[in-house]
Each structure stands twice: as C-alpha cells, then as structure tokens.
Amino acid sequence: MILPIPAIDIIEGQVVRLEKGDYRRVTVFHSSPEEVAKKWESEGAPFLHVVDLEGAKMGQPMNTSSIERIICTVSIPVEVGGGIRDRTVFEHYLSLGAERVVVGSVVVKNPKVFEEMLHIAPDRLAVSLDVRGEYLAIQGWTEETPLRAAPFARRLREKGVRYFIFTDIDQDGTLSGIRTEVIQKFLQESGVSILLAGGVSRREDIERLKEIPGVEGIILGKALYAGTLTLQEVITILRRE
C-alpha cells in the first residue's frame, strides 16, 4: 500500500503551512508539534514527515528541540528535514532516533559532505527534490538552480540513493490538486520512486496517485490541516483494491 504520511512543518516551535514555499504566506495551525504528531499517530498514520522550515531557510537547525520531542512522543517512524547541511547535524538526528534524514541543499552545494552522509547511512537518507517547473530549488525553496530534477535524480540513484521526496512547489499549500502530467514525466525520465508532496487536496488526487507506478507515499499537509481530506479517508482509499 502507498504510505499516507502527514507532514508537520515547524517555524518558531509551531505547526505551520506555507503557500508555494513563500515564507511571507504562512498559516499557523497549532502551537504544539508533539501534540499534532500524537494526533496523527492515533488516527493511523504509519509514518511522519517533519520539516524545520526555519532551518531550511537559514541553513542550520532551528527547531531541534521540537523535533526531538516529536520523535520521543510517537512510536511510528519519523523522517526529518530542514537545515541539515553538515555531517554533525545528520548524525545528531540519527542519534535522536529519526528513521530517515532528509537533505536537499547540501546535495547541490556540498556534494562531498553529502557523499559522506550517504556512506554513513544509505538506508536512512532521503533526498528532497523541490521542483519549480522542471528545475530544482534549494535553501528552503528560496534559491533557484539550473539543475533539471529528473536527470539529477537519476544520477543520485546511480550513486546509491534509495529514497526521494518530490515536491511540486507551484502546487504546494495551494489545495489546487496534483499535476499528474508533471509527476508522470518526472518518474519516466528519472527512473526513481518517490514520496509525493504538493497539491494533494481531494479524494480524486489520492485515486489518481494510486494509478501512478513509482509513487510509494503521499505526504499530506494543508489538506489535512484545512480539512479538505481526513487521514482516515486517505487510508481507506489507499487500502481499497
């Protein structure tokens, strides 16, 4: 079954969502990330996706204590991203008990450090591919790159990367639905499997994603917090043959 994965995005210790990655368009949903994590676990989430949005923008962890409390509070696996640009931070999150550590900017900016991370824990590393158009954006989506996402992912797979998160930035936080053609084109050109984020907002999106080979998980953000989908709805659709 495709994994339904609630997202917990954190700024200043609060659970928030951005629209299209714009830090000026932020909505606060809850003051306690660990309480939100417990809620998703109680509703049947098999996995959590936690992002230090401040860390992603600043290039260093800014909400480590909140993330540590989440990991200690729930018994389901947690993947953690945002501001992980050096080996020390990477190993620290592993030591806290993160199931996977998600990196993005360091892959582009400092490939040597990234390869050290990959060597240390290939099974607990995921690469975040944050895509605007066909091109990668880094630094918490604030910096564009000339790198096309699909060939970049293909090269990383050849280096041994096993897990990828694909975010369609232009759809993220908009509740406007997924762009099936964008997702399929990326999967066909890259040859990788992904956790998909960005735009998932209604039952039809879940049904369509079930039919796309290569989608292993769906990261659910604003749709859950705004109530256009419930986690139980998503789980029911994904379990249905």
C-alpha atoms as a PDB file:
ATOM      1  CA  MET A   1       0.000   0.000   0.000  1.00  0.00           C
ATOM      2  CA  ILE A   2       1.104   3.551  -0.717  1.00  0.00           C
ATOM      3  CA  LEU A   3       2.013   5.201   2.584  1.00  0.00           C
ATOM      4  CA  PRO A   4      -0.137   8.139   3.759  1.00  0.00           C
ATOM      5  CA  ILE A   5       2.327  10.478   5.512  1.00  0.00           C
ATOM      6  CA  PRO A   6       1.175  13.541   7.466  1.00  0.00           C
ATOM      7  CA  ALA A   7       3.572  16.483   7.328  1.00  0.00           C
ATOM      8  CA  ILE A   8       4.493  18.599  10.326  1.00  0.00           C
ATOM      9  CA  ASP A   9       6.196  21.833   9.236  1.00  0.00           C
ATOM     10  CA  ILE A  10       7.690  23.890  12.050  1.00  0.00           C
ATOM     11  CA  ILE A  11       8.501  27.584  12.440  1.00  0.00           C
ATOM     12  CA  GLU A  12       9.271  29.031  15.889  1.00  0.00           C
ATOM     13  CA  GLY A  13       8.055  25.854  17.551  1.00  0.00           C
ATOM     14  CA  GLN A  14       4.656  25.999  15.884  1.00  0.00           C
ATOM     15  CA  VAL A  15       2.999  23.822  13.229  1.00  0.00           C
ATOM     16  CA  VAL A  16       2.540  25.884  10.075  1.00  0.00           C
ATOM     17  CA  ARG A  17       1.953  25.645   6.338  1.00  0.00           C
ATOM     18  CA  LEU A  18       3.382  27.843   3.620  1.00  0.00           C
ATOM     19  CA  GLU A  19       1.772  28.566   0.275  1.00  0.00           C
ATOM     20  CA  LYS A  20       4.055  27.740  -2.671  1.00  0.00           C
ATOM     21  CA  GLY A  21       7.006  27.814  -0.295  1.00  0.00           C
ATOM     22  CA  ASP A  22       6.558  31.542   0.388  1.00  0.00           C
ATOM     23  CA  TYR A  23       7.678  32.392   3.922  1.00  0.00           C
ATOM     24  CA  ARG A  24       5.534  35.532   3.767  1.00  0.00           C
ATOM     25  CA  ARG A  25       2.408  33.406   3.293  1.00  0.00           C
ATOM     26  CA  VAL A  26       2.375  31.333   6.448  1.00  0.00           C
ATOM     27  CA  THR A  27      -0.606  29.933   8.339  1.00  0.00           C
ATOM     28  CA  VAL A  28      -0.201  28.696  11.926  1.00  0.00           C
ATOM     29  CA  PHE A  29      -2.246  25.575  12.718  1.00  0.00           C
ATOM     30  CA  HIS A  30      -1.062  24.517  16.170  1.00  0.00           C
ATOM     31  CA  SER A  31       1.304  25.588  18.925  1.00  0.00           C
ATOM     32  CA  SER A  32       2.472  22.073  19.866  1.00  0.00           C
ATOM     33  CA  PRO A  33       4.135  19.905  17.205  1.00  0.00           C
ATOM     34  CA  GLU A  34       4.266  16.879  19.500  1.00  0.00           C
ATOM     35  CA  GLU A  35       0.515  17.061  20.164  1.00  0.00           C
ATOM     36  CA  VAL A  36      -0.092  17.140  16.418  1.00  0.00           C
ATOM     37  CA  ALA A  37       2.234  14.154  15.998  1.00  0.00           C
ATOM     38  CA  LYS A  38       0.273  12.210  18.633  1.00  0.00           C
ATOM     39  CA  LYS A  39      -2.978  13.079  16.855  1.00  0.00           C
ATOM     40  CA  TRP A  40      -1.754  11.724  13.516  1.00  0.00           C
ATOM     41  CA  GLU A  41      -0.414   8.576  15.155  1.00  0.00           C
ATOM     42  CA  SER A  42      -3.729   7.979  16.944  1.00  0.00           C
ATOM     43  CA  GLU A  43      -5.554   8.312  13.613  1.00  0.00           C
ATOM     44  CA  GLY A  44      -3.467   5.600  11.997  1.00  0.00           C
ATOM     45  CA  ALA A  45      -0.530   7.379  10.354  1.00  0.00           C
ATOM     46  CA  PRO A  46       2.227   4.843   9.621  1.00  0.00           C
ATOM     47  CA  PHE A  47       4.950   7.490   9.196  1.00  0.00           C
ATOM     48  CA  LEU A  48       5.531  11.230   9.800  1.00  0.00           C
ATOM     49  CA  HIS A  49       7.349  13.824   7.699  1.00  0.00           C
ATOM     50  CA  VAL A  50       8.759  16.631   9.872  1.00  0.00           C
ATOM     51  CA  VAL A  51      10.434  19.741   8.459  1.00  0.00           C
ATOM     52  CA  ASP A  52      12.258  22.538  10.249  1.00  0.00           C
ATOM     53  CA  LEU A  53      11.242  25.298   7.825  1.00  0.00           C
ATOM     54  CA  GLU A  54      13.349  27.893   9.604  1.00  0.00           C
ATOM     55  CA  GLY A  55      16.312  25.555   9.392  1.00  0.00           C
ATOM     56  CA  ALA A  56      15.742  25.043   5.679  1.00  0.00           C
ATOM     57  CA  LYS A  57      15.853  28.788   5.108  1.00  0.00           C
ATOM     58  CA  MET A  58      18.717  29.585   7.486  1.00  0.00           C
ATOM     59  CA  GLY A  59      20.893  26.584   6.653  1.00  0.00           C
ATOM     60  CA  GLN A  60      21.109  25.243  10.181  1.00  0.00           C
ATOM     61  CA  PRO A  61      18.702  23.561  12.624  1.00  0.00           C
ATOM     62  CA  MET A  62      16.382  25.995  14.403  1.00  0.00           C
ATOM     63  CA  ASN A  63      13.736  23.701  15.904  1.00  0.00           C
ATOM     64  CA  THR A  64      15.706  20.678  17.081  1.00  0.00           C
ATOM     65  CA  SER A  65      14.009  20.549  20.489  1.00  0.00           C
ATOM     66  CA  SER A  66      10.561  20.384  18.909  1.00  0.00           C
ATOM     67  CA  ILE A  67      11.694  17.624  16.577  1.00  0.00           C
ATOM     68  CA  GLU A  68      13.275  15.661  19.431  1.00  0.00           C
ATOM     69  CA  ARG A  69      10.009  15.849  21.393  1.00  0.00           C
ATOM     70  CA  ILE A  70       8.097  14.504  18.389  1.00  0.00           C
ATOM     71  CA  ILE A  71      10.480  11.562  17.996  1.00  0.00           C
ATOM     72  CA  CYS A  72      10.220  10.800  21.722  1.00  0.00           C
ATOM     73  CA  THR A  73       6.427  11.181  21.768  1.00  0.00           C
ATOM     74  CA  VAL A  74       5.398   8.786  18.992  1.00  0.00           C
ATOM     75  CA  SER A  75       6.220   5.153  18.278  1.00  0.00           C
ATOM     76  CA  ILE A  76       5.867   5.393  14.477  1.00  0.00           C
ATOM     77  CA  PRO A  77       8.838   6.248  12.225  1.00  0.00           C
ATOM     78  CA  VAL A  78       9.695   9.902  11.679  1.00  0.00           C
ATOM     79  CA  GLU A  79      11.702  11.399   8.843  1.00  0.00           C
ATOM     80  CA  VAL A  80      13.289  14.783   9.494  1.00  0.00           C
ATOM     81  CA  GLY A  81      14.444  17.539   7.152  1.00  0.00           C
ATOM     82  CA  GLY A  82      15.345  21.209   7.104  1.00  0.00           C
ATOM     83  CA  GLY A  83      18.754  22.815   7.548  1.00  0.00           C
ATOM     84  CA  ILE A  84      20.788  19.610   7.517  1.00  0.00           C
ATOM     85  CA  ARG A  85      23.922  20.798   5.778  1.00  0.00           C
ATOM     86  CA  ASP A  86      26.745  19.017   7.601  1.00  0.00           C
ATOM     87  CA  ARG A  87      27.671  15.582   8.861  1.00  0.00           C
ATOM     88  CA  THR A  88      27.380  16.506  12.540  1.00  0.00           C
ATOM     89  CA  VAL A  89      23.740  17.543  12.255  1.00  0.00           C
ATOM     90  CA  PHE A  90      22.982  14.498  10.116  1.00  0.00           C
ATOM     91  CA  GLU A  91      24.446  12.144  12.706  1.00  0.00           C
ATOM     92  CA  HIS A  92      22.723  14.025  15.539  1.00  0.00           C
ATOM     93  CA  TYR A  93      19.280  13.459  14.050  1.00  0.00           C
ATOM     94  CA  LEU A  94      20.119   9.805  13.505  1.00  0.00           C
ATOM     95  CA  SER A  95      21.142   9.546  17.163  1.00  0.00           C
ATOM     96  CA  LEU A  96      17.821  11.112  18.230  1.00  0.00           C
ATOM     97  CA  GLY A  97      16.028   8.258  16.527  1.00  0.00           C
ATOM     98  CA  ALA A  98      14.935   9.716  13.200  1.00  0.00           C
ATOM     99  CA  GLU A  99      14.079   6.858  10.840  1.00  0.00           C
ATOM    100  CA  ARG A 100      15.312   8.900   7.879  1.00  0.00           C
ATOM    101  CA  VAL A 101      17.085  12.211   7.497  1.00  0.00           C
ATOM    102  CA  VAL A 102      16.075  14.328   4.517  1.00  0.00           C
ATOM    103  CA  VAL A 103      18.647  16.510   2.754  1.00  0.00           C
ATOM    104  CA  GLY A 104      18.368  18.853  -0.194  1.00  0.00           C
ATOM    105  CA  SER A 105      20.597  21.892  -0.452  1.00  0.00           C
ATOM    106  CA  VAL A 106      23.736  20.080   0.688  1.00  0.00           C
ATOM    107  CA  VAL A 107      23.423  17.680  -2.262  1.00  0.00           C
ATOM    108  CA  VAL A 108      23.849  20.628  -4.622  1.00  0.00           C
ATOM    109  CA  LYS A 109      26.064  22.928  -2.567  1.00  0.00           C
ATOM    110  CA  ASN A 110      28.430  20.461  -0.964  1.00  0.00           C
ATOM    111  CA  PRO A 111      28.369  17.080  -2.724  1.00  0.00           C
ATOM    112  CA  LYS A 112      31.418  15.841  -0.809  1.00  0.00           C
ATOM    113  CA  VAL A 113      29.614  16.200   2.523  1.00  0.00           C
ATOM    114  CA  PHE A 114      26.522  14.614   1.014  1.00  0.00           C
ATOM    115  CA  GLU A 115      28.539  11.595  -0.128  1.00  0.00           C
ATOM    116  CA  GLU A 116      29.882  11.229   3.423  1.00  0.00           C
ATOM    117  CA  MET A 117      26.281  11.140   4.689  1.00  0.00           C
ATOM    118  CA  LEU A 118      25.357   8.571   2.053  1.00  0.00           C
ATOM    119  CA  HIS A 119      28.295   6.403   3.089  1.00  0.00           C
ATOM    120  CA  ILE A 120      27.360   6.618   6.789  1.00  0.00           C
ATOM    121  CA  ALA A 121      23.702   5.614   6.489  1.00  0.00           C
ATOM    122  CA  PRO A 122      22.400   4.930   2.963  1.00  0.00           C
ATOM    123  CA  ASP A 123      19.240   3.277   4.312  1.00  0.00           C
ATOM    124  CA  ARG A 124      18.376   6.284   6.485  1.00  0.00           C
ATOM    125  CA  LEU A 125      18.971   9.064   3.988  1.00  0.00           C
ATOM    126  CA  ALA A 126      16.411  10.668   1.677  1.00  0.00           C
ATOM    127  CA  VAL A 127      16.951  13.378  -0.916  1.00  0.00           C
ATOM    128  CA  SER A 128      14.363  16.122  -1.231  1.00  0.00           C
ATOM    129  CA  LEU A 129      13.766  17.203  -4.815  1.00  0.00           C
ATOM    130  CA  ASP A 130      11.929  20.519  -4.573  1.00  0.00           C
ATOM    131  CA  VAL A 131      10.897  21.355  -8.100  1.00  0.00           C
ATOM    132  CA  ARG A 132       9.652  24.539  -9.720  1.00  0.00           C
ATOM    133  CA  GLY A 133       8.923  23.901 -13.382  1.00  0.00           C
ATOM    134  CA  GLU A 134      11.454  21.140 -14.102  1.00  0.00           C
ATOM    135  CA  TYR A 135      14.251  22.690 -12.055  1.00  0.00           C
ATOM    136  CA  LEU A 136      15.461  22.226  -8.503  1.00  0.00           C
ATOM    137  CA  ALA A 137      15.078  24.932  -5.899  1.00  0.00           C
ATOM    138  CA  ILE A 138      17.168  24.898  -2.711  1.00  0.00           C
ATOM    139  CA  GLN A 139      17.679  26.901   0.506  1.00  0.00           C
ATOM    140  CA  GLY A 140      14.100  26.352   1.647  1.00  0.00           C
ATOM    141  CA  TRP A 141      12.919  26.930  -1.939  1.00  0.00           C
ATOM    142  CA  THR A 142      14.319  30.479  -1.924  1.00  0.00           C
ATOM    143  CA  GLU A 143      17.132  29.817  -4.439  1.00  0.00           C
ATOM    144  CA  GLU A 144      16.668  28.578  -7.994  1.00  0.00           C
ATOM    145  CA  THR A 145      19.194  26.284  -9.681  1.00  0.00           C
ATOM    146  CA  PRO A 146      19.870  25.401 -13.342  1.00  0.00           C
ATOM    147  CA  LEU A 147      19.592  21.694 -12.490  1.00  0.00           C
ATOM    148  CA  ARG A 148      16.805  19.683 -14.106  1.00  0.00           C
ATOM    149  CA  ALA A 149      15.305  17.449 -11.452  1.00  0.00           C
ATOM    150  CA  ALA A 150      14.876  14.207 -13.417  1.00  0.00           C
ATOM    151  CA  PRO A 151      18.464  13.736 -14.675  1.00  0.00           C
ATOM    152  CA  PHE A 152      19.753  14.884 -11.288  1.00  0.00           C
ATOM    153  CA  ALA A 153      17.682  12.202  -9.530  1.00  0.00           C
ATOM    154  CA  ARG A 154      18.846   9.574 -11.994  1.00  0.00           C
ATOM    155  CA  ARG A 155      22.487  10.370 -11.212  1.00  0.00           C
ATOM    156  CA  LEU A 156      21.812  10.187  -7.473  1.00  0.00           C
ATOM    157  CA  ARG A 157      20.153   6.802  -7.841  1.00  0.00           C
ATOM    158  CA  GLU A 158      23.283   5.572  -9.616  1.00  0.00           C
ATOM    159  CA  LYS A 159      25.305   6.776  -6.602  1.00  0.00           C
ATOM    160  CA  GLY A 160      23.146   4.661  -4.288  1.00  0.00           C
ATOM    161  CA  VAL A 161      20.373   6.978  -3.099  1.00  0.00           C
ATOM    162  CA  ARG A 162      17.273   4.907  -2.376  1.00  0.00           C
ATOM    163  CA  TYR A 163      14.690   7.415  -1.166  1.00  0.00           C
ATOM    164  CA  PHE A 164      13.440  10.553  -2.876  1.00  0.00           C
ATOM    165  CA  ILE A 165      10.812  13.139  -1.953  1.00  0.00           C
ATOM    166  CA  PHE A 166       9.383  15.032  -4.911  1.00  0.00           C
ATOM    167  CA  THR A 167       7.627  18.316  -4.167  1.00  0.00           C
ATOM    168  CA  ASP A 168       5.797  20.252  -6.857  1.00  0.00           C
ATOM    169  CA  ILE A 169       6.449  23.689  -5.373  1.00  0.00           C
ATOM    170  CA  ASP A 170       3.925  25.514  -7.520  1.00  0.00           C
ATOM    171  CA  GLN A 171       1.153  23.308  -6.132  1.00  0.00           C
ATOM    172  CA  ASP A 172       2.337  23.075  -2.541  1.00  0.00           C
ATOM    173  CA  GLY A 173      -0.005  24.578   0.029  1.00  0.00           C
ATOM    174  CA  THR A 174      -2.497  25.719  -2.610  1.00  0.00           C
ATOM    175  CA  LEU A 175      -5.138  22.945  -2.298  1.00  0.00           C
ATOM    176  CA  SER A 176      -5.374  23.118  -6.090  1.00  0.00           C
ATOM    177  CA  GLY A 177      -4.796  19.438  -6.813  1.00  0.00           C
ATOM    178  CA  ILE A 178      -1.918  17.437  -8.219  1.00  0.00           C
ATOM    179  CA  ARG A 179      -0.448  17.800 -11.697  1.00  0.00           C
ATOM    180  CA  THR A 180      -0.448  14.221 -12.907  1.00  0.00           C
ATOM    181  CA  GLU A 181       1.472  15.012 -16.074  1.00  0.00           C
ATOM    182  CA  VAL A 182       4.303  16.673 -14.130  1.00  0.00           C
ATOM    183  CA  ILE A 183       4.624  13.703 -11.785  1.00  0.00           C
ATOM    184  CA  GLN A 184       4.499  11.104 -14.557  1.00  0.00           C
ATOM    185  CA  LYS A 185       7.035  12.928 -16.688  1.00  0.00           C
ATOM    186  CA  PHE A 186       9.472  13.151 -13.792  1.00  0.00           C
ATOM    187  CA  LEU A 187       9.056   9.464 -12.909  1.00  0.00           C
ATOM    188  CA  GLN A 188       9.515   8.350 -16.503  1.00  0.00           C
ATOM    189  CA  GLU A 189      12.625  10.473 -17.048  1.00  0.00           C
ATOM    190  CA  SER A 190      14.276   9.787 -13.693  1.00  0.00           C
ATOM    191  CA  GLY A 191      13.509   6.104 -13.160  1.00  0.00           C
ATOM    192  CA  VAL A 192      13.247   6.606  -9.373  1.00  0.00           C
ATOM    193  CA  SER A 193      10.409   6.014  -6.922  1.00  0.00           C
ATOM    194  CA  ILE A 194       9.135   8.874  -4.786  1.00  0.00           C
ATOM    195  CA  LEU A 195       7.191  10.158  -1.855  1.00  0.00           C
ATOM    196  CA  LEU A 196       4.993  12.822  -3.462  1.00  0.00           C
ATOM    197  CA  ALA A 197       4.194  16.210  -1.950  1.00  0.00           C
ATOM    198  CA  GLY A 198       2.456  19.290  -3.280  1.00  0.00           C
ATOM    199  CA  GLY A 199      -1.156  19.995  -4.157  1.00  0.00           C
ATOM    200  CA  VAL A 200      -2.858  16.882  -2.776  1.00  0.00           C
ATOM    201  CA  SER A 201      -6.244  18.216  -1.705  1.00  0.00           C
ATOM    202  CA  ARG A 202      -9.131  15.891  -2.527  1.00  0.00           C
ATOM    203  CA  ARG A 203     -10.175  12.268  -2.882  1.00  0.00           C
ATOM    204  CA  GLU A 204      -9.630  12.368  -6.650  1.00  0.00           C
ATOM    205  CA  ASP A 205      -5.951  13.200  -6.109  1.00  0.00           C
ATOM    206  CA  ILE A 206      -5.478  10.094  -3.974  1.00  0.00           C
ATOM    207  CA  GLU A 207      -7.299   7.917  -6.514  1.00  0.00           C
ATOM    208  CA  ARG A 208      -5.129   9.255  -9.341  1.00  0.00           C
ATOM    209  CA  LEU A 209      -1.891   8.763  -7.420  1.00  0.00           C
ATOM    210  CA  LYS A 210      -2.810   5.123  -6.772  1.00  0.00           C
ATOM    211  CA  GLU A 211      -2.607   4.581 -10.512  1.00  0.00           C
ATOM    212  CA  ILE A 212       0.868   6.059 -10.985  1.00  0.00           C
ATOM    213  CA  PRO A 213       3.680   3.489 -10.719  1.00  0.00           C
ATOM    214  CA  GLY A 214       6.591   4.820  -8.709  1.00  0.00           C
ATOM    215  CA  VAL A 215       4.595   6.731  -6.081  1.00  0.00           C
ATOM    216  CA  GLU A 216       5.398   4.953  -2.799  1.00  0.00           C
ATOM    217  CA  GLY A 217       3.997   7.524  -0.399  1.00  0.00           C
ATOM    218  CA  ILE A 218       1.878  10.661  -0.276  1.00  0.00           C
ATOM    219  CA  ILE A 219       2.920  13.492   2.021  1.00  0.00           C
ATOM    220  CA  LEU A 220      -0.200  15.261   3.254  1.00  0.00           C
ATOM    221  CA  GLY A 221      -0.023  18.811   4.536  1.00  0.00           C
ATOM    222  CA  LYS A 222      -2.544  21.579   4.146  1.00  0.00           C
ATOM    223  CA  ALA A 223      -5.335  19.225   3.032  1.00  0.00           C
ATOM    224  CA  LEU A 224      -5.308  17.579   6.474  1.00  0.00           C
ATOM    225  CA  TYR A 225      -4.968  20.825   8.404  1.00  0.00           C
ATOM    226  CA  ALA A 226      -7.633  22.665   6.406  1.00  0.00           C
ATOM    227  CA  GLY A 227      -9.955  19.653   6.486  1.00  0.00           C
ATOM    228  CA  THR A 228     -10.407  19.041   2.758  1.00  0.00           C
ATOM    229  CA  LEU A 229      -9.246  15.482   3.449  1.00  0.00           C
ATOM    230  CA  THR A 230      -9.149  13.406   6.610  1.00  0.00           C
ATOM    231  CA  LEU A 231      -6.378  10.935   7.304  1.00  0.00           C
ATOM    232  CA  GLN A 232      -8.915   8.116   7.683  1.00  0.00           C
ATOM    233  CA  GLU A 233     -10.378   8.959   4.269  1.00  0.00           C
ATOM    234  CA  VAL A 234      -6.947   8.721   2.692  1.00  0.00           C
ATOM    235  CA  ILE A 235      -6.127   5.448   4.432  1.00  0.00           C
ATOM    236  CA  THR A 236      -9.447   3.950   3.327  1.00  0.00           C
ATOM    237  CA  ILE A 237      -8.880   4.921  -0.320  1.00  0.00           C
ATOM    238  CA  LEU A 238      -5.320   3.591  -0.333  1.00  0.00           C
ATOM    239  CA  ARG A 239      -6.360   0.259   1.220  1.00  0.00           C
ATOM    240  CA  ARG A 240      -9.194  -0.249  -1.222  1.00  0.00           C
ATOM    241  CA  GLU A 241      -8.355  -2.587  -4.103  1.00  0.00           C
END
